[in-house]
Protein backbone atom coordinates (compact mmCIF):
# COMPACT_ATOMS: atom_id res chain seq x y z
CA MET A 1 -59.62 -88.06 -25.39
CA SER A 2 -56.71 -86.94 -23.34
CA ILE A 3 -55.77 -83.19 -23.40
CA LYS A 4 -52.46 -84.24 -24.87
CA THR A 5 -54.09 -85.82 -27.74
CA VAL A 6 -56.28 -82.92 -28.33
CA ARG A 7 -53.31 -80.66 -28.23
CA ARG A 8 -51.39 -82.71 -30.83
CA LEU A 9 -54.56 -82.74 -33.05
CA ALA A 10 -55.12 -78.92 -32.74
CA ALA A 11 -51.45 -78.32 -33.65
CA ASP A 12 -51.86 -80.51 -36.77
CA ILE A 13 -55.04 -78.82 -37.67
CA MET A 14 -53.69 -75.19 -37.01
CA LYS A 15 -50.31 -75.97 -38.56
CA VAL A 16 -48.42 -74.80 -35.58
CA GLY A 17 -46.30 -76.39 -32.82
CA GLU A 18 -47.78 -78.12 -29.85
CA SER A 19 -46.27 -75.53 -27.44
CA ARG A 20 -48.30 -72.75 -29.38
CA ILE A 21 -51.69 -74.31 -28.47
CA TRP A 22 -53.69 -72.59 -25.67
CA ILE A 23 -56.54 -74.62 -24.10
CA ASP A 24 -59.01 -72.69 -21.90
CA PRO A 25 -58.58 -74.11 -18.39
CA ALA A 26 -62.06 -73.27 -17.38
CA ARG A 27 -63.53 -75.57 -20.16
CA ILE A 28 -61.26 -78.52 -19.90
CA GLY A 29 -64.34 -80.98 -19.58
CA GLU A 30 -65.38 -80.02 -23.09
CA VAL A 31 -61.79 -80.55 -24.50
CA GLU A 32 -61.81 -84.10 -22.80
CA ASP A 33 -65.14 -84.99 -24.38
CA ALA A 34 -63.83 -84.42 -27.94
CA VAL A 35 -63.48 -87.67 -29.68
CA THR A 36 -62.82 -86.87 -33.40
CA ARG A 37 -60.92 -84.19 -35.33
CA ALA A 38 -64.28 -82.57 -36.28
CA ASP A 39 -64.76 -82.07 -32.47
CA VAL A 40 -61.28 -80.49 -32.18
CA ARG A 41 -62.20 -78.13 -35.13
CA ARG A 42 -65.35 -77.09 -33.44
CA LEU A 43 -63.56 -76.37 -30.27
CA ILE A 44 -60.97 -74.25 -32.19
CA LYS A 45 -63.89 -72.32 -33.83
CA SER A 46 -65.62 -71.73 -30.66
CA GLY A 47 -62.48 -70.35 -28.98
CA VAL A 48 -61.83 -72.96 -26.41
CA ILE A 49 -58.61 -73.83 -28.30
CA ARG A 50 -56.46 -71.02 -29.56
CA GLU A 51 -53.06 -70.34 -31.05
CA ARG A 52 -50.57 -68.57 -29.04
CA PRO A 53 -48.39 -65.92 -30.77
CA PRO A 54 -44.84 -67.14 -31.89
CA SER A 55 -42.21 -66.49 -29.19
CA THR A 56 -39.18 -64.51 -30.63
CA PRO A 57 -35.75 -65.40 -29.58
CA SER A 58 -34.48 -63.02 -26.71
CA ARG A 59 -32.22 -60.00 -27.93
CA GLY A 60 -30.48 -59.88 -24.56
CA ARG A 61 -27.31 -61.70 -25.61
CA VAL A 62 -27.15 -59.54 -28.64
CA ARG A 63 -27.44 -56.44 -26.67
CA LYS A 64 -24.61 -57.54 -24.25
CA ARG A 65 -22.34 -58.34 -26.97
CA SER A 66 -20.30 -55.28 -28.15
CA GLY A 67 -20.95 -54.41 -31.88
CA GLY A 68 -18.64 -54.48 -34.82
CA ARG A 69 -17.07 -57.86 -34.56
CA GLY A 70 -19.24 -59.90 -36.92
CA PRO A 71 -17.97 -61.66 -39.98
CA GLY A 72 -19.18 -58.73 -42.19
CA SER A 73 -16.69 -56.23 -40.52
CA ARG A 74 -13.71 -58.43 -40.86
CA LYS A 75 -11.33 -58.04 -43.89
CA GLY A 76 -9.23 -61.13 -44.63
CA ALA A 77 -8.81 -64.50 -43.18
CA LYS A 78 -7.72 -65.11 -39.58
CA GLY A 79 -4.02 -65.81 -40.55
CA ALA A 80 -4.03 -62.55 -42.66
CA ARG A 81 -5.34 -60.53 -39.82
CA MET A 82 -2.79 -61.87 -37.48
CA THR A 83 -0.11 -61.07 -40.07
CA VAL A 84 -1.19 -57.42 -39.99
CA THR A 85 -0.70 -57.05 -36.24
CA TRP A 86 2.62 -58.88 -36.36
CA VAL A 87 3.82 -56.46 -39.19
CA GLU A 88 2.72 -53.39 -37.06
CA LYS A 89 4.66 -54.82 -34.13
CA VAL A 90 7.76 -55.40 -36.02
CA ARG A 91 7.78 -52.04 -37.62
CA ALA A 92 7.42 -50.25 -34.13
CA GLN A 93 10.30 -52.32 -32.81
CA ARG A 94 12.52 -51.50 -35.79
CA ARG A 95 11.70 -47.90 -35.48
CA LEU A 96 12.85 -47.98 -31.81
CA LEU A 97 16.05 -49.93 -32.72
CA LYS A 98 16.97 -47.25 -35.20
CA GLN A 99 16.34 -44.48 -32.61
CA LEU A 100 18.46 -46.25 -30.17
CA ARG A 101 21.30 -46.83 -32.75
CA ASP A 102 21.14 -43.11 -33.75
CA LYS A 103 21.38 -41.94 -30.06
CA GLY A 104 24.30 -44.21 -29.47
CA VAL A 105 22.50 -46.35 -26.91
CA VAL A 106 23.25 -49.56 -29.02
CA SER A 107 26.36 -50.27 -31.18
CA ARG A 108 25.88 -51.05 -34.79
CA ARG A 109 26.83 -54.68 -34.17
CA LEU A 110 24.28 -55.00 -31.34
CA TYR A 111 21.72 -53.16 -33.64
CA ARG A 112 22.18 -55.77 -36.22
CA ARG A 113 21.78 -58.70 -33.79
CA LEU A 114 18.69 -57.09 -32.25
CA TYR A 115 17.34 -56.45 -35.63
CA LEU A 116 17.52 -60.03 -36.56
CA MET A 117 16.12 -61.04 -33.18
CA VAL A 118 13.03 -58.71 -33.90
CA LYS A 119 12.75 -60.47 -37.28
CA GLY A 120 12.67 -63.81 -35.50
CA GLY A 121 9.84 -62.69 -33.27
CA ALA A 122 11.95 -62.75 -30.20
CA PHE A 123 10.16 -59.72 -28.57
CA SER A 124 6.41 -59.48 -28.12
CA SER A 125 6.47 -55.55 -27.79
CA ARG A 126 8.70 -52.49 -27.76
CA ARG A 127 8.64 -52.67 -23.85
CA VAL A 128 10.04 -56.22 -23.88
CA LEU A 129 12.72 -55.14 -26.35
CA MET A 130 13.71 -52.15 -24.21
CA ASN A 131 13.75 -54.43 -21.17
CA TYR A 132 16.10 -56.74 -23.04
CA VAL A 133 18.40 -53.68 -23.98
CA ALA A 134 18.38 -52.46 -20.41
CA SER A 135 19.52 -56.02 -19.07
CA LEU A 136 22.21 -55.98 -21.72
CA LYS A 137 23.46 -52.58 -20.42
CA GLU A 138 23.46 -53.91 -16.86
CA ARG A 139 25.62 -56.83 -17.87
CA GLY A 140 27.81 -54.32 -19.89
CA GLU A 141 27.04 -55.92 -23.32
CA ALA A 142 25.36 -52.92 -24.82
CA ALA A 143 27.10 -49.97 -26.58
């Protein structure tokens, strides 16, 4: 019987996958002489055919990945989490606008216009808002 067939039968008898069957390379002649399942069982009992230990999945990728980002650490759906970041940005921009208005950098009318632009998501950050106000000042439209 071919070694492939013996491996398949041994896997079936031992209730493991074919990749976990080890056949002694020094005694391949005996393995090829096996004809029945009983012969394969005898080879298993004598130690010519053995079961390899199960291979565990590599932990390398897990170690490489930074922790604390799994679904268990997330609170809220993706949309809700994005809303939280948007709220934080808008609040920061509104605080900046109030400071600029109180210092007299922007007029009340311009403050209102910028406030509505912030609400509409025109600025991605405080820096972008400040750049916009600076460009308005250069053109002479601020204050």
